[in-house]
Amino acid sequence: MAVWTQVMGKAAIIGMGVGIVGLMLIFTTFWETRKAADSAAATYDAYVSIERAKLSFSSSETSFTGSVPTVVASVTNVGKSVGIVKQIAWGWSSDPAWPSDPNFTGPPRHEIVEPSKMEDLGFISQEGGMEHRFLRGYVLYESPLAPDHKTHFSIEIYQETEMPYGLKYRDANLNDKPGDT
């Protein structure tokens, strides 16, 4: 009987050791699964950042209507997916610096911009002439792969000396505007 007890005791100790090793392997599997899931999420994020729509603001035309400067706002999709414009919001300013607390307004929209295509978003005009020369704002858009993104713009409108009734535009103070998302 003492020999049998001794054999069973050794078997219990060996079984306990095997159980501990088994638990360690189970937790190792959990940790490695978590690492694989994190890696998959990072890969998906990289894929989305490459494949999503990326809209770039441009102005296809600037002009005077009487004494009112008017800009035709356009965006070009430089991404690989369709972009859906949800809003273009803007504000005029006489200050060349990007406002610290901008109060941009604009109606909701629903324009689809195909990859590698330019889409006119309509006129932005300013009543009261040229006292506010800086047009700033953002284009809010989404892509099938990614929700809301913003493309900020900041342009300076100035009157050309050779063409007294024409306008030109150039990017203004792009260093102090918020980063695009």
C-alpha atoms as a PDB file:
ATOM      1  CA  MET A   1       0.000   0.000   0.000  1.00  0.00           C
ATOM      2  CA  ALA A   2       2.835   2.399   0.760  1.00  0.00           C
ATOM      3  CA  VAL A   3       4.356   1.780  -2.654  1.00  0.00           C
ATOM      4  CA  TRP A   4       1.011   2.485  -4.352  1.00  0.00           C
ATOM      5  CA  THR A   5       0.623   5.739  -2.392  1.00  0.00           C
ATOM      6  CA  GLN A   6       4.128   6.728  -3.346  1.00  0.00           C
ATOM      7  CA  VAL A   7       3.443   6.018  -7.063  1.00  0.00           C
ATOM      8  CA  MET A   8       0.169   7.982  -6.952  1.00  0.00           C
ATOM      9  CA  GLY A   9       1.895  10.923  -5.222  1.00  0.00           C
ATOM     10  CA  LYS A  10       4.594  11.047  -7.911  1.00  0.00           C
ATOM     11  CA  ALA A  11       1.920  10.805 -10.636  1.00  0.00           C
ATOM     12  CA  ALA A  12       0.006  13.706  -9.025  1.00  0.00           C
ATOM     13  CA  ILE A  13       3.156  15.862  -8.930  1.00  0.00           C
ATOM     14  CA  ILE A  14       3.927  15.055 -12.572  1.00  0.00           C
ATOM     15  CA  GLY A  15       0.287  15.784 -13.524  1.00  0.00           C
ATOM     16  CA  MET A  16       0.419  19.091 -11.682  1.00  0.00           C
ATOM     17  CA  GLY A  17       3.615  20.046 -13.570  1.00  0.00           C
ATOM     18  CA  VAL A  18       2.053  19.097 -16.906  1.00  0.00           C
ATOM     19  CA  GLY A  19      -1.056  21.140 -15.982  1.00  0.00           C
ATOM     20  CA  ILE A  20       1.055  24.204 -15.181  1.00  0.00           C
ATOM     21  CA  VAL A  21       2.931  23.865 -18.489  1.00  0.00           C
ATOM     22  CA  GLY A  22      -0.449  23.494 -20.266  1.00  0.00           C
ATOM     23  CA  LEU A  23      -1.770  26.677 -18.624  1.00  0.00           C
ATOM     24  CA  MET A  24       1.391  28.522 -19.642  1.00  0.00           C
ATOM     25  CA  LEU A  25       0.873  27.367 -23.233  1.00  0.00           C
ATOM     26  CA  ILE A  26      -2.759  28.506 -23.174  1.00  0.00           C
ATOM     27  CA  PHE A  27      -1.777  31.991 -21.929  1.00  0.00           C
ATOM     28  CA  THR A  28       1.026  32.141 -24.494  1.00  0.00           C
ATOM     29  CA  THR A  29      -1.577  31.388 -27.165  1.00  0.00           C
ATOM     30  CA  PHE A  30      -3.733  34.245 -25.855  1.00  0.00           C
ATOM     31  CA  TRP A  31      -0.801  36.690 -25.917  1.00  0.00           C
ATOM     32  CA  GLU A  32       0.242  35.681 -29.429  1.00  0.00           C
ATOM     33  CA  THR A  33      -3.351  35.918 -30.654  1.00  0.00           C
ATOM     34  CA  ARG A  34      -3.547  39.454 -29.246  1.00  0.00           C
ATOM     35  CA  LYS A  35      -0.296  40.406 -31.037  1.00  0.00           C
ATOM     36  CA  ALA A  36      -1.637  38.964 -34.301  1.00  0.00           C
ATOM     37  CA  ALA A  37      -4.917  40.884 -33.913  1.00  0.00           C
ATOM     38  CA  ASP A  38      -3.035  44.141 -33.226  1.00  0.00           C
ATOM     39  CA  SER A  39      -0.854  43.524 -36.274  1.00  0.00           C
ATOM     40  CA  ALA A  40      -3.934  42.851 -38.415  1.00  0.00           C
ATOM     41  CA  ALA A  41      -5.537  46.093 -37.191  1.00  0.00           C
ATOM     42  CA  ALA A  42      -2.372  48.053 -38.034  1.00  0.00           C
ATOM     43  CA  THR A  43      -2.265  46.448 -41.483  1.00  0.00           C
ATOM     44  CA  TYR A  44      -5.903  47.367 -42.096  1.00  0.00           C
ATOM     45  CA  ASP A  45      -5.286  50.962 -40.995  1.00  0.00           C
ATOM     46  CA  ALA A  46      -2.339  51.165 -43.416  1.00  0.00           C
ATOM     47  CA  TYR A  47      -4.502  49.722 -46.201  1.00  0.00           C
ATOM     48  CA  VAL A  48      -7.276  52.231 -45.533  1.00  0.00           C
ATOM     49  CA  SER A  49      -4.846  55.162 -45.470  1.00  0.00           C
ATOM     50  CA  ILE A  50      -3.552  54.128 -48.908  1.00  0.00           C
ATOM     51  CA  GLU A  51      -6.864  53.168 -50.519  1.00  0.00           C
ATOM     52  CA  ARG A  52      -9.230  55.831 -49.121  1.00  0.00           C
ATOM     53  CA  ALA A  53     -10.295  58.989 -50.889  1.00  0.00           C
ATOM     54  CA  LYS A  54      -8.051  62.026 -50.377  1.00  0.00           C
ATOM     55  CA  LEU A  55      -9.514  65.326 -51.483  1.00  0.00           C
ATOM     56  CA  SER A  56      -7.327  68.291 -52.328  1.00  0.00           C
ATOM     57  CA  PHE A  57      -8.891  71.765 -52.460  1.00  0.00           C
ATOM     58  CA  SER A  58      -8.319  73.981 -55.449  1.00  0.00           C
ATOM     59  CA  SER A  59     -10.031  76.906 -57.067  1.00  0.00           C
ATOM     60  CA  SER A  60     -10.728  76.507 -60.730  1.00  0.00           C
ATOM     61  CA  GLU A  61     -11.761  80.121 -61.197  1.00  0.00           C
ATOM     62  CA  THR A  62     -11.763  83.459 -59.410  1.00  0.00           C
ATOM     63  CA  SER A  63     -13.539  86.566 -60.627  1.00  0.00           C
ATOM     64  CA  PHE A  64     -15.355  89.742 -59.691  1.00  0.00           C
ATOM     65  CA  THR A  65     -19.099  90.010 -59.954  1.00  0.00           C
ATOM     66  CA  GLY A  66     -19.438  93.754 -59.725  1.00  0.00           C
ATOM     67  CA  SER A  67     -17.291  94.507 -56.666  1.00  0.00           C
ATOM     68  CA  VAL A  68     -17.846  91.067 -55.104  1.00  0.00           C
ATOM     69  CA  PRO A  69     -14.972  88.574 -55.330  1.00  0.00           C
ATOM     70  CA  THR A  70     -16.208  85.109 -56.258  1.00  0.00           C
ATOM     71  CA  VAL A  71     -14.337  81.819 -56.085  1.00  0.00           C
ATOM     72  CA  VAL A  72     -15.388  78.568 -57.718  1.00  0.00           C
ATOM     73  CA  ALA A  73     -14.415  75.997 -55.120  1.00  0.00           C
ATOM     74  CA  SER A  74     -13.166  72.693 -56.509  1.00  0.00           C
ATOM     75  CA  VAL A  75     -11.696  69.534 -55.072  1.00  0.00           C
ATOM     76  CA  THR A  76      -9.585  66.882 -56.738  1.00  0.00           C
ATOM     77  CA  ASN A  77      -9.622  63.318 -55.464  1.00  0.00           C
ATOM     78  CA  VAL A  78      -5.991  62.205 -55.344  1.00  0.00           C
ATOM     79  CA  GLY A  79      -6.897  58.998 -53.502  1.00  0.00           C
ATOM     80  CA  LYS A  80      -7.920  55.592 -54.808  1.00  0.00           C
ATOM     81  CA  SER A  81     -11.543  55.419 -53.597  1.00  0.00           C
ATOM     82  CA  VAL A  82     -14.641  57.475 -54.215  1.00  0.00           C
ATOM     83  CA  GLY A  83     -14.986  60.525 -51.971  1.00  0.00           C
ATOM     84  CA  ILE A  84     -18.357  61.852 -50.864  1.00  0.00           C
ATOM     85  CA  VAL A  85     -18.363  65.557 -49.979  1.00  0.00           C
ATOM     86  CA  LYS A  86     -20.609  66.139 -46.960  1.00  0.00           C
ATOM     87  CA  GLN A  87     -19.938  69.838 -46.366  1.00  0.00           C
ATOM     88  CA  ILE A  88     -17.780  72.719 -47.470  1.00  0.00           C
ATOM     89  CA  ALA A  89     -17.547  75.365 -44.771  1.00  0.00           C
ATOM     90  CA  TRP A  90     -15.686  78.643 -45.087  1.00  0.00           C
ATOM     91  CA  GLY A  91     -15.130  82.101 -43.723  1.00  0.00           C
ATOM     92  CA  TRP A  92     -13.566  85.316 -45.015  1.00  0.00           C
ATOM     93  CA  SER A  93     -10.944  87.218 -43.062  1.00  0.00           C
ATOM     94  CA  SER A  94      -8.672  90.222 -43.377  1.00  0.00           C
ATOM     95  CA  ASP A  95      -6.134  88.611 -41.019  1.00  0.00           C
ATOM     96  CA  PRO A  96      -3.469  86.507 -42.763  1.00  0.00           C
ATOM     97  CA  ALA A  97      -3.169  84.109 -39.774  1.00  0.00           C
ATOM     98  CA  TRP A  98      -5.400  81.066 -39.407  1.00  0.00           C
ATOM     99  CA  PRO A  99      -8.086  81.897 -36.817  1.00  0.00           C
ATOM    100  CA  SER A 100      -7.624  80.269 -33.411  1.00  0.00           C
ATOM    101  CA  ASP A 101     -11.349  79.563 -33.093  1.00  0.00           C
ATOM    102  CA  PRO A 102     -12.758  79.512 -36.617  1.00  0.00           C
ATOM    103  CA  ASN A 103     -16.480  79.881 -37.121  1.00  0.00           C
ATOM    104  CA  PHE A 104     -16.870  78.411 -40.596  1.00  0.00           C
ATOM    105  CA  THR A 105     -20.320  77.835 -42.040  1.00  0.00           C
ATOM    106  CA  GLY A 106     -21.667  76.013 -45.026  1.00  0.00           C
ATOM    107  CA  PRO A 107     -24.691  73.926 -45.970  1.00  0.00           C
ATOM    108  CA  PRO A 108     -24.666  70.126 -46.023  1.00  0.00           C
ATOM    109  CA  ARG A 109     -23.857  68.603 -49.402  1.00  0.00           C
ATOM    110  CA  HIS A 110     -23.695  65.271 -51.177  1.00  0.00           C
ATOM    111  CA  GLU A 111     -21.301  65.347 -54.133  1.00  0.00           C
ATOM    112  CA  ILE A 112     -19.440  62.258 -55.267  1.00  0.00           C
ATOM    113  CA  VAL A 113     -15.847  62.744 -56.430  1.00  0.00           C
ATOM    114  CA  GLU A 114     -14.377  59.873 -58.411  1.00  0.00           C
ATOM    115  CA  PRO A 115     -10.670  58.997 -58.032  1.00  0.00           C
ATOM    116  CA  SER A 116      -8.376  61.225 -60.128  1.00  0.00           C
ATOM    117  CA  LYS A 117     -11.286  63.555 -60.948  1.00  0.00           C
ATOM    118  CA  MET A 118     -11.967  67.204 -60.150  1.00  0.00           C
ATOM    119  CA  GLU A 119     -15.410  68.304 -58.995  1.00  0.00           C
ATOM    120  CA  ASP A 120     -16.662  71.903 -58.844  1.00  0.00           C
ATOM    121  CA  LEU A 121     -18.479  72.516 -55.561  1.00  0.00           C
ATOM    122  CA  GLY A 122     -19.997  75.840 -56.513  1.00  0.00           C
ATOM    123  CA  PHE A 123     -19.438  79.515 -55.894  1.00  0.00           C
ATOM    124  CA  ILE A 124     -18.138  81.126 -52.729  1.00  0.00           C
ATOM    125  CA  SER A 125     -18.710  84.854 -52.878  1.00  0.00           C
ATOM    126  CA  GLN A 126     -18.114  87.674 -50.453  1.00  0.00           C
ATOM    127  CA  GLU A 127     -20.328  90.692 -50.124  1.00  0.00           C
ATOM    128  CA  GLY A 128     -18.630  94.013 -49.548  1.00  0.00           C
ATOM    129  CA  GLY A 129     -15.652  93.928 -51.876  1.00  0.00           C
ATOM    130  CA  MET A 130     -12.046  93.167 -51.052  1.00  0.00           C
ATOM    131  CA  GLU A 131     -11.712  94.171 -47.385  1.00  0.00           C
ATOM    132  CA  HIS A 132     -11.510  90.463 -46.452  1.00  0.00           C
ATOM    133  CA  ARG A 133      -8.925  88.932 -48.752  1.00  0.00           C
ATOM    134  CA  PHE A 134      -8.355  85.567 -47.089  1.00  0.00           C
ATOM    135  CA  LEU A 135     -10.723  82.668 -47.680  1.00  0.00           C
ATOM    136  CA  ARG A 136     -10.333  79.792 -45.239  1.00  0.00           C
ATOM    137  CA  GLY A 137     -12.292  76.696 -44.462  1.00  0.00           C
ATOM    138  CA  TYR A 138     -12.520  72.967 -44.883  1.00  0.00           C
ATOM    139  CA  VAL A 139     -14.103  70.287 -47.002  1.00  0.00           C
ATOM    140  CA  LEU A 140     -15.680  67.518 -44.913  1.00  0.00           C
ATOM    141  CA  TYR A 141     -15.869  64.227 -46.786  1.00  0.00           C
ATOM    142  CA  GLU A 142     -16.086  60.498 -46.305  1.00  0.00           C
ATOM    143  CA  SER A 143     -14.910  57.439 -48.146  1.00  0.00           C
ATOM    144  CA  PRO A 144     -16.458  53.961 -48.238  1.00  0.00           C
ATOM    145  CA  LEU A 145     -13.467  52.660 -46.279  1.00  0.00           C
ATOM    146  CA  ALA A 146     -13.169  55.499 -43.805  1.00  0.00           C
ATOM    147  CA  PRO A 147     -15.574  57.914 -42.103  1.00  0.00           C
ATOM    148  CA  ASP A 148     -15.210  61.690 -41.858  1.00  0.00           C
ATOM    149  CA  HIS A 149     -12.055  63.436 -43.052  1.00  0.00           C
ATOM    150  CA  LYS A 150     -11.301  67.125 -43.516  1.00  0.00           C
ATOM    151  CA  THR A 151      -9.219  68.951 -46.083  1.00  0.00           C
ATOM    152  CA  HIS A 152      -8.439  72.495 -44.950  1.00  0.00           C
ATOM    153  CA  PHE A 153      -7.814  75.346 -47.328  1.00  0.00           C
ATOM    154  CA  SER A 154      -6.469  78.844 -46.971  1.00  0.00           C
ATOM    155  CA  ILE A 155      -6.199  81.101 -49.985  1.00  0.00           C
ATOM    156  CA  GLU A 156      -5.465  84.751 -50.513  1.00  0.00           C
ATOM    157  CA  ILE A 157      -7.474  86.600 -53.137  1.00  0.00           C
ATOM    158  CA  TYR A 158      -5.718  89.510 -54.783  1.00  0.00           C
ATOM    159  CA  GLN A 159      -6.439  91.713 -57.739  1.00  0.00           C
ATOM    160  CA  GLU A 160      -4.077  91.443 -60.648  1.00  0.00           C
ATOM    161  CA  THR A 161      -2.541  94.720 -61.753  1.00  0.00           C
ATOM    162  CA  GLU A 162      -2.589  93.844 -65.463  1.00  0.00           C
ATOM    163  CA  MET A 163      -6.232  92.764 -65.342  1.00  0.00           C
ATOM    164  CA  PRO A 164      -8.119  95.175 -63.084  1.00  0.00           C
ATOM    165  CA  TYR A 165     -11.259  93.047 -63.076  1.00  0.00           C
ATOM    166  CA  GLY A 166      -9.664  89.644 -62.629  1.00  0.00           C
ATOM    167  CA  LEU A 167      -8.640  87.868 -59.485  1.00  0.00           C
ATOM    168  CA  LYS A 168      -5.858  85.475 -58.713  1.00  0.00           C
ATOM    169  CA  TYR A 169      -5.423  83.235 -55.728  1.00  0.00           C
ATOM    170  CA  ARG A 170      -2.524  81.639 -53.938  1.00  0.00           C
ATOM    171  CA  ASP A 171      -2.158  79.442 -50.896  1.00  0.00           C
ATOM    172  CA  ALA A 172      -1.861  81.598 -47.796  1.00  0.00           C
ATOM    173  CA  ASN A 173      -0.297  80.646 -44.457  1.00  0.00           C
ATOM    174  CA  LEU A 174      -0.640  76.926 -44.901  1.00  0.00           C
ATOM    175  CA  ASN A 175       1.818  76.346 -42.051  1.00  0.00           C
ATOM    176  CA  ASP A 176      -0.566  77.516 -39.354  1.00  0.00           C
ATOM    177  CA  LYS A 177      -3.714  75.716 -40.508  1.00  0.00           C
ATOM    178  CA  PRO A 178      -4.799  72.462 -38.885  1.00  0.00           C
ATOM    179  CA  GLY A 179      -3.513  69.248 -40.389  1.00  0.00           C
ATOM    180  CA  ASP A 180      -5.752  67.390 -42.793  1.00  0.00           C
ATOM    181  CA  THR A 181      -7.350  64.235 -41.485  1.00  0.00           C
END
